[in-house]
N, C-alpha and C. Protein backbone atom coordinates (compact mmCIF):
# COMPACT_ATOMS: atom_id res chain seq x y z
N MET A 1 -34.99 -43.61 -16.11
CA MET A 1 -34.50 -42.31 -16.51
C MET A 1 -33.33 -41.91 -15.61
N LYS A 2 -32.23 -41.60 -16.24
CA LYS A 2 -31.03 -41.23 -15.52
C LYS A 2 -31.04 -39.73 -15.22
N ALA A 3 -30.54 -39.40 -14.03
CA ALA A 3 -30.46 -37.98 -13.68
C ALA A 3 -29.33 -37.33 -14.47
N GLU A 4 -29.60 -36.12 -14.89
CA GLU A 4 -28.57 -35.39 -15.64
C GLU A 4 -27.44 -34.97 -14.72
N ARG A 5 -26.26 -35.16 -15.21
CA ARG A 5 -25.10 -34.73 -14.43
C ARG A 5 -24.62 -33.41 -15.00
N ARG A 6 -24.58 -32.42 -14.15
CA ARG A 6 -24.15 -31.10 -14.62
C ARG A 6 -22.64 -31.01 -14.50
N VAL A 7 -22.04 -30.62 -15.58
CA VAL A 7 -20.60 -30.47 -15.62
C VAL A 7 -20.30 -28.97 -15.58
N PRO A 8 -19.43 -28.56 -14.66
CA PRO A 8 -19.11 -27.13 -14.62
C PRO A 8 -18.41 -26.69 -15.91
N ILE A 9 -18.63 -25.44 -16.27
CA ILE A 9 -18.03 -24.91 -17.49
C ILE A 9 -16.51 -24.88 -17.36
N PHE A 10 -16.02 -24.45 -16.21
CA PHE A 10 -14.58 -24.39 -15.96
C PHE A 10 -14.23 -25.52 -15.01
N SER A 11 -13.28 -26.32 -15.39
CA SER A 11 -12.85 -27.38 -14.48
C SER A 11 -12.01 -26.75 -13.37
N SER A 12 -11.85 -27.48 -12.29
CA SER A 12 -11.08 -26.94 -11.17
C SER A 12 -9.62 -26.74 -11.57
N ARG A 13 -9.14 -27.58 -12.46
CA ARG A 13 -7.76 -27.42 -12.91
C ARG A 13 -7.59 -26.12 -13.69
N ALA A 14 -8.50 -25.85 -14.59
CA ALA A 14 -8.42 -24.60 -15.35
C ALA A 14 -8.58 -23.41 -14.42
N PHE A 15 -9.45 -23.53 -13.44
CA PHE A 15 -9.64 -22.43 -12.49
C PHE A 15 -8.38 -22.20 -11.67
N GLY A 16 -7.70 -23.28 -11.30
CA GLY A 16 -6.45 -23.16 -10.55
C GLY A 16 -5.38 -22.47 -11.37
N ILE A 17 -5.32 -22.76 -12.65
CA ILE A 17 -4.34 -22.11 -13.53
C ILE A 17 -4.67 -20.63 -13.64
N ARG A 18 -5.93 -20.33 -13.78
CA ARG A 18 -6.31 -18.92 -13.86
C ARG A 18 -5.97 -18.19 -12.56
N ARG A 19 -6.21 -18.85 -11.45
CA ARG A 19 -5.91 -18.23 -10.18
C ARG A 19 -4.41 -17.96 -10.06
N CYS A 20 -3.61 -18.86 -10.59
CA CYS A 20 -2.16 -18.68 -10.56
C CYS A 20 -1.77 -17.45 -11.39
N TYR A 21 -2.35 -17.30 -12.57
CA TYR A 21 -2.06 -16.11 -13.38
C TYR A 21 -2.50 -14.85 -12.67
N ARG A 22 -3.65 -14.90 -12.01
CA ARG A 22 -4.13 -13.73 -11.30
C ARG A 22 -3.15 -13.34 -10.20
N ARG A 23 -2.60 -14.31 -9.50
CA ARG A 23 -1.67 -13.99 -8.41
C ARG A 23 -0.43 -13.30 -8.96
N GLY A 24 0.01 -13.71 -10.14
CA GLY A 24 1.15 -13.04 -10.76
C GLY A 24 0.85 -11.59 -11.04
N ALA A 25 -0.34 -11.31 -11.49
CA ALA A 25 -0.73 -9.93 -11.76
C ALA A 25 -0.83 -9.14 -10.47
N VAL A 26 -1.32 -9.77 -9.42
CA VAL A 26 -1.45 -9.07 -8.14
C VAL A 26 -0.08 -8.78 -7.55
N SER A 27 0.85 -9.72 -7.67
CA SER A 27 2.18 -9.46 -7.13
C SER A 27 2.89 -8.37 -7.94
N THR A 28 2.62 -8.29 -9.22
CA THR A 28 3.17 -7.19 -10.02
C THR A 28 2.58 -5.86 -9.55
N LEU A 29 1.31 -5.86 -9.26
CA LEU A 29 0.66 -4.66 -8.74
C LEU A 29 1.24 -4.28 -7.38
N ASP A 30 1.53 -5.27 -6.55
CA ASP A 30 2.16 -4.99 -5.26
C ASP A 30 3.53 -4.34 -5.47
N TYR A 31 4.28 -4.84 -6.42
CA TYR A 31 5.61 -4.28 -6.70
C TYR A 31 5.49 -2.83 -7.19
N VAL A 32 4.55 -2.57 -8.07
CA VAL A 32 4.34 -1.21 -8.57
C VAL A 32 3.93 -0.29 -7.43
N LEU A 33 3.07 -0.79 -6.54
CA LEU A 33 2.66 0.01 -5.39
C LEU A 33 3.84 0.32 -4.49
N LEU A 34 4.70 -0.67 -4.27
CA LEU A 34 5.88 -0.46 -3.44
C LEU A 34 6.82 0.56 -4.05
N VAL A 35 7.15 0.37 -5.32
CA VAL A 35 8.14 1.25 -5.97
C VAL A 35 7.55 2.62 -6.28
N GLY A 36 6.30 2.67 -6.69
CA GLY A 36 5.71 3.93 -7.15
C GLY A 36 5.09 4.78 -6.08
N VAL A 37 4.73 4.18 -4.93
CA VAL A 37 4.02 4.95 -3.91
C VAL A 37 4.77 4.93 -2.57
N ILE A 38 5.04 3.75 -2.06
CA ILE A 38 5.55 3.64 -0.70
C ILE A 38 6.98 4.16 -0.59
N LEU A 39 7.85 3.80 -1.52
CA LEU A 39 9.23 4.29 -1.44
C LEU A 39 9.33 5.81 -1.59
N PRO A 40 8.61 6.44 -2.52
CA PRO A 40 8.66 7.91 -2.56
C PRO A 40 8.10 8.57 -1.29
N VAL A 41 7.07 7.99 -0.71
CA VAL A 41 6.53 8.55 0.54
C VAL A 41 7.55 8.41 1.66
N ALA A 42 8.23 7.26 1.72
CA ALA A 42 9.27 7.07 2.74
C ALA A 42 10.42 8.05 2.53
N ALA A 43 10.81 8.27 1.29
CA ALA A 43 11.89 9.23 1.01
C ALA A 43 11.46 10.65 1.40
N PHE A 44 10.23 11.02 1.12
CA PHE A 44 9.73 12.33 1.50
C PHE A 44 9.71 12.49 3.02
N CYS A 45 9.30 11.43 3.73
CA CYS A 45 9.27 11.50 5.20
C CYS A 45 10.67 11.66 5.77
N MET A 46 11.64 10.99 5.16
CA MET A 46 13.01 11.15 5.65
C MET A 46 13.55 12.55 5.37
N TRP A 47 13.10 13.15 4.29
CA TRP A 47 13.53 14.52 3.98
C TRP A 47 12.79 15.52 4.86
N ALA A 48 11.49 15.34 5.04
CA ALA A 48 10.67 16.32 5.74
C ALA A 48 10.65 16.11 7.26
N GLY A 49 11.00 14.92 7.72
CA GLY A 49 10.92 14.61 9.15
C GLY A 49 11.69 15.56 10.04
N PRO A 50 13.00 15.73 9.81
CA PRO A 50 13.76 16.65 10.66
C PRO A 50 13.22 18.09 10.59
N ARG A 51 12.81 18.52 9.43
CA ARG A 51 12.25 19.87 9.29
C ARG A 51 10.96 20.02 10.09
N LEU A 52 10.10 19.01 10.04
CA LEU A 52 8.85 19.06 10.80
C LEU A 52 9.12 19.07 12.30
N ILE A 53 10.10 18.28 12.74
CA ILE A 53 10.44 18.28 14.16
C ILE A 53 10.97 19.65 14.58
N TRP A 54 11.83 20.25 13.74
CA TRP A 54 12.38 21.57 14.06
C TRP A 54 11.29 22.63 14.10
N LEU A 55 10.38 22.61 13.13
CA LEU A 55 9.29 23.60 13.11
C LEU A 55 8.35 23.41 14.30
N THR A 56 8.10 22.16 14.69
CA THR A 56 7.27 21.91 15.87
C THR A 56 7.95 22.44 17.12
N TYR A 57 9.24 22.22 17.23
CA TYR A 57 10.00 22.74 18.36
C TYR A 57 9.91 24.27 18.42
N GLN A 58 10.06 24.94 17.29
CA GLN A 58 9.98 26.39 17.26
C GLN A 58 8.59 26.88 17.65
N MET A 59 7.55 26.19 17.18
CA MET A 59 6.18 26.59 17.51
C MET A 59 5.92 26.46 19.00
N VAL A 60 6.36 25.36 19.60
CA VAL A 60 6.18 25.18 21.04
C VAL A 60 6.98 26.23 21.81
N TYR A 61 8.18 26.51 21.36
CA TYR A 61 9.03 27.52 21.99
C TYR A 61 8.35 28.88 21.96
N VAL A 62 7.75 29.24 20.82
CA VAL A 62 7.07 30.53 20.70
C VAL A 62 5.83 30.56 21.59
N LEU A 63 5.07 29.47 21.63
CA LEU A 63 3.85 29.45 22.45
C LEU A 63 4.17 29.55 23.95
N ILE A 64 5.28 28.94 24.36
CA ILE A 64 5.66 29.00 25.76
C ILE A 64 6.34 30.33 26.09
N GLY A 65 7.16 30.83 25.18
CA GLY A 65 7.98 31.99 25.49
C GLY A 65 7.37 33.34 25.22
N TRP A 66 6.27 33.43 24.45
CA TRP A 66 5.78 34.75 24.07
C TRP A 66 5.29 35.59 25.24
N PRO A 67 4.76 35.03 26.30
CA PRO A 67 4.34 35.95 27.40
C PRO A 67 5.52 36.64 28.10
N PHE A 68 6.71 36.07 27.99
CA PHE A 68 7.87 36.63 28.69
C PHE A 68 8.67 37.57 27.82
N MET A 69 8.25 37.83 26.60
CA MET A 69 9.00 38.71 25.71
C MET A 69 8.57 40.15 25.89
């Protein structure tokens, strides 16, 4: 009696091809994340950064200077 040989449903070659397609989808998702989220956040930080620094400076100035007014 011969032992049964189990054959996987998906061959490694087919699995490799699927993995390749998946990577394409993931890199597209990375691109969407970069363009849709990270670049707008970076643009907002460049716009808001100087204003936040100025407001922080004013707040520190008021906290230090108010007893002398």
